[in-house]
Protein backbone atom coordinates (compact mmCIF):
# COMPACT_ATOMS: atom_id res chain seq x y z
CA MET A 1 0.00 0.00 0.00
CA ALA A 2 1.15 3.53 -0.77
CA LEU A 3 2.30 5.62 2.16
CA ARG A 4 0.07 8.45 3.29
CA LEU A 5 0.43 11.53 5.43
CA GLY A 6 0.31 10.59 9.09
CA ASP A 7 1.69 7.08 8.53
CA THR A 8 4.76 6.04 10.49
CA ALA A 9 7.78 6.29 8.18
CA PRO A 10 8.98 2.73 7.55
CA ASP A 11 12.22 1.91 9.33
CA PHE A 12 15.06 0.27 7.40
CA THR A 13 18.75 -0.59 7.57
CA ALA A 14 20.86 0.25 4.52
CA GLU A 15 24.42 1.01 3.47
CA SER A 16 25.28 4.61 2.65
CA THR A 17 28.21 6.86 1.85
CA GLU A 18 28.49 7.46 5.61
CA GLY A 19 28.26 3.81 6.70
CA THR A 20 25.35 1.66 7.81
CA ILE A 21 22.15 3.65 8.39
CA ARG A 22 19.40 2.47 10.71
CA PHE A 23 16.84 5.03 9.69
CA HIS A 24 14.85 5.65 12.87
CA GLU A 25 18.05 5.54 14.92
CA TYR A 26 19.69 7.97 12.48
CA LEU A 27 16.83 10.44 12.89
CA GLY A 28 16.78 10.19 16.68
CA ASP A 29 14.69 13.09 17.97
CA HIS A 30 15.24 15.11 14.79
CA TRP A 31 12.93 15.74 11.89
CA GLY A 32 14.07 14.17 8.63
CA ILE A 33 13.95 14.73 4.89
CA LEU A 34 14.44 11.71 2.62
CA PHE A 35 14.78 12.40 -1.07
CA SER A 36 15.33 9.93 -3.89
CA HIS A 37 17.23 10.25 -7.14
CA PRO A 38 16.66 8.32 -10.37
CA ALA A 39 20.33 7.36 -10.74
CA ASP A 40 23.89 8.49 -10.14
CA TYR A 41 25.64 10.76 -12.62
CA THR A 42 22.41 12.39 -13.76
CA PRO A 43 22.50 16.13 -14.41
CA VAL A 44 19.48 17.38 -12.47
CA CYS A 45 20.29 15.23 -9.41
CA THR A 46 23.83 16.56 -9.41
CA THR A 47 22.53 20.11 -9.05
CA GLU A 48 20.01 19.04 -6.40
CA LEU A 49 22.51 17.31 -4.15
CA GLY A 50 24.86 20.27 -4.47
CA THR A 51 22.07 22.65 -3.53
CA ALA A 52 21.07 20.49 -0.56
CA ALA A 53 24.66 20.42 0.69
CA LYS A 54 24.88 24.23 0.54
CA LEU A 55 21.65 24.50 2.55
CA LYS A 56 22.64 22.04 5.29
CA ALA A 57 22.99 24.84 7.85
CA GLU A 58 19.38 25.87 7.14
CA PHE A 59 18.14 22.31 7.67
CA ASP A 60 20.27 22.02 10.83
CA LYS A 61 18.66 25.22 12.16
CA ARG A 62 15.30 23.49 11.83
CA ASN A 63 16.53 20.29 13.52
CA VAL A 64 16.16 18.38 10.22
CA LYS A 65 18.52 15.60 9.12
CA MET A 66 18.92 15.08 5.38
CA ILE A 67 19.37 11.73 3.67
CA ALA A 68 19.35 10.92 -0.05
CA LEU A 69 18.89 7.68 -1.98
CA SER A 70 19.80 6.26 -5.36
CA VAL A 71 19.52 2.72 -6.70
CA ASP A 72 23.21 2.64 -7.67
CA GLY A 73 25.96 1.14 -5.50
CA LEU A 74 28.40 2.65 -3.04
CA ASP A 75 31.38 2.78 -5.40
CA SER A 76 29.25 4.64 -7.92
CA HIS A 77 27.97 6.98 -5.20
CA LYS A 78 31.50 7.84 -4.08
CA GLY A 79 32.60 8.73 -7.59
CA TRP A 80 29.45 10.77 -8.12
CA VAL A 81 29.99 12.68 -4.87
CA ASN A 82 33.39 13.77 -6.22
CA ASP A 83 31.66 15.10 -9.34
CA ILE A 84 29.00 16.90 -7.26
CA ASN A 85 31.63 18.55 -5.08
CA GLU A 86 33.61 19.63 -8.13
CA THR A 87 30.79 20.92 -10.34
CA GLN A 88 28.63 22.48 -7.62
CA GLN A 89 31.52 23.97 -5.61
CA THR A 90 30.43 22.34 -2.36
CA THR A 91 31.00 19.29 -0.17
CA VAL A 92 28.24 16.70 0.15
CA ASN A 93 27.63 16.59 3.91
CA PHE A 94 24.86 14.02 4.38
CA PRO A 95 24.52 10.30 3.59
CA ILE A 96 23.41 8.88 0.25
CA ILE A 97 21.83 5.42 0.54
CA ALA A 98 22.95 2.70 -1.86
CA ASP A 99 19.67 0.95 -2.68
CA GLU A 100 20.81 -1.57 -5.27
CA ASP A 101 18.26 -4.15 -4.15
CA ARG A 102 15.53 -1.45 -4.27
CA LYS A 103 14.42 -2.43 -0.77
CA VAL A 104 14.01 1.16 0.43
CA SER A 105 12.63 2.34 -2.93
CA ASP A 106 9.91 -0.31 -2.78
CA LEU A 107 9.23 0.39 0.90
CA TYR A 108 8.60 4.06 0.09
CA ASP A 109 6.95 3.44 -3.31
CA MET A 110 9.65 5.37 -5.16
CA ILE A 111 9.74 3.28 -8.33
CA HIS A 112 7.96 5.03 -11.18
CA PRO A 113 5.51 2.51 -12.71
CA ASN A 114 5.67 4.06 -16.18
CA SER A 115 9.44 4.30 -16.56
CA ASN A 116 12.50 2.07 -16.38
CA GLU A 117 11.91 -0.26 -13.44
CA ASN A 118 15.27 0.66 -11.92
CA PHE A 119 14.56 4.37 -11.83
CA THR A 120 13.06 6.09 -8.82
CA VAL A 121 10.96 9.18 -9.25
CA ARG A 122 12.04 12.36 -7.43
CA SER A 123 10.23 11.65 -4.19
CA VAL A 124 10.51 13.80 -1.07
CA PHE A 125 9.37 12.69 2.37
CA VAL A 126 9.43 15.05 5.34
CA ILE A 127 9.24 13.10 8.58
CA GLY A 128 8.47 14.60 11.98
CA ASN A 129 10.36 13.91 15.19
CA ASP A 130 7.49 11.53 16.03
CA LYS A 131 8.53 9.44 12.97
CA LYS A 132 5.25 10.29 11.20
CA ILE A 133 5.20 11.34 7.54
CA LYS A 134 4.28 15.03 7.37
CA LEU A 135 4.76 15.72 3.66
CA ILE A 136 5.09 13.78 0.41
CA ILE A 137 6.01 15.51 -2.85
CA THR A 138 6.72 13.66 -6.10
CA TYR A 139 8.46 15.39 -8.99
CA PRO A 140 8.94 14.00 -12.50
CA ALA A 141 12.51 13.04 -13.36
CA SER A 142 12.88 16.08 -15.62
CA THR A 143 12.08 18.73 -12.98
CA GLY A 144 14.52 19.67 -10.25
CA ARG A 145 13.25 20.25 -6.73
CA ASN A 146 12.85 23.68 -5.19
CA PHE A 147 14.74 23.49 -1.91
CA ASP A 148 13.58 26.96 -0.84
CA GLU A 149 10.03 25.57 -1.00
CA LEU A 150 11.02 22.53 1.06
CA LEU A 151 12.43 24.81 3.77
CA ARG A 152 9.28 26.95 3.63
CA VAL A 153 7.06 23.90 4.06
CA ILE A 154 9.15 22.62 6.97
CA ASP A 155 8.78 26.03 8.64
CA SER A 156 5.00 25.72 8.24
CA LEU A 157 4.87 22.10 9.43
CA GLN A 158 6.89 22.81 12.55
CA LEU A 159 4.90 25.94 13.36
CA THR A 160 1.48 24.35 12.87
CA ALA A 161 2.51 21.26 14.87
CA ASN A 162 2.91 23.41 17.97
CA TYR A 163 0.28 26.14 17.61
CA SER A 164 -3.42 26.17 16.63
CA VAL A 165 -2.72 27.90 13.33
CA ALA A 166 -2.44 27.23 9.61
CA THR A 167 -0.33 29.04 7.03
CA PRO A 168 -1.99 30.80 4.09
CA ALA A 169 -1.01 30.66 0.41
CA ASN A 170 2.58 31.70 -0.28
CA TRP A 171 3.26 32.15 3.44
CA LYS A 172 6.86 32.67 4.48
CA HIS A 173 8.50 32.63 7.90
CA GLY A 174 7.70 35.86 9.72
CA GLU A 175 4.35 36.55 8.04
CA ASP A 176 0.88 36.45 9.60
CA VAL A 177 -0.82 33.09 10.00
CA VAL A 178 -4.43 31.89 10.07
CA ILE A 179 -6.08 30.97 13.37
CA ALA A 180 -7.59 27.49 13.35
CA PRO A 181 -11.40 27.50 13.00
CA ALA A 182 -11.72 25.39 16.17
CA ILE A 183 -10.43 28.31 18.26
CA THR A 184 -13.28 30.56 19.45
CA ASN A 185 -12.97 34.34 19.54
CA GLU A 186 -13.09 34.14 23.32
CA GLU A 187 -10.01 31.90 23.38
CA ILE A 188 -7.94 34.08 21.08
CA PRO A 189 -6.56 36.64 23.61
CA ALA A 190 -5.07 33.90 25.81
CA LYS A 191 -3.69 31.86 22.92
CA PHE A 192 -2.59 34.73 20.69
CA PRO A 193 -1.63 37.73 22.85
CA LYS A 194 -0.17 39.61 19.88
CA GLY A 195 -3.74 40.29 18.73
CA HIS A 196 -5.66 39.25 15.65
CA LYS A 197 -7.57 40.55 12.68
CA GLU A 198 -10.99 39.19 11.69
CA ILE A 199 -11.42 39.35 7.92
CA LYS A 200 -14.41 37.01 7.99
CA PRO A 201 -15.72 34.95 10.93
CA TYR A 202 -13.93 31.95 9.42
CA LEU A 203 -10.81 33.88 8.34
CA ARG A 204 -8.85 35.33 11.28
CA THR A 205 -5.16 36.14 11.17
CA THR A 206 -2.54 36.73 13.84
CA PRO A 207 1.21 37.45 13.82
CA GLN A 208 3.37 34.34 13.76
CA PRO A 209 3.18 33.18 17.39
CA ASN A 210 6.67 31.74 17.86
CA LEU A 211 8.57 34.95 17.08
């Protein structure tokens, strides 16, 4: 069965460029982002992994551990990492899983049914510190991921996990948020002391509460 939001992220043990990974143990009490790549030495993936490496400090700030996956082997991964470091002017600073037996790809439904059976789609899973899946995004192989958007979504997920709010369209960290409909007007002053604006009875905004 396909994984859904709210499911527990399947645990696994796999070899990676940083040694044996036991996934849940690797995450510990962190959030996690797992992203798959169709194959080593592919142009779009090379730019993605380079971009991810440059943004590691941003993921660290959010208590998020990164981990990538490709169905090629460790020797191939190591050679590819050298290319990524050279062409993207960075240093890959997170593990890349060697999933030659496709165990993890099958576990996370990463194999694209309409393409070469060995190729994973560009899947992204954001996993909370409770090991539950919070976000799934699937890109076609031809379209590179937007890592700024992934950071934005993680900001929203972490905020809304701790406060009775939602984030509106195009929201970015620091902007006003929407008060959950379940919160009554009478409860607002205690929960949101920064004040609020009522645009409609069902649409009430307040400054981001954790700033």
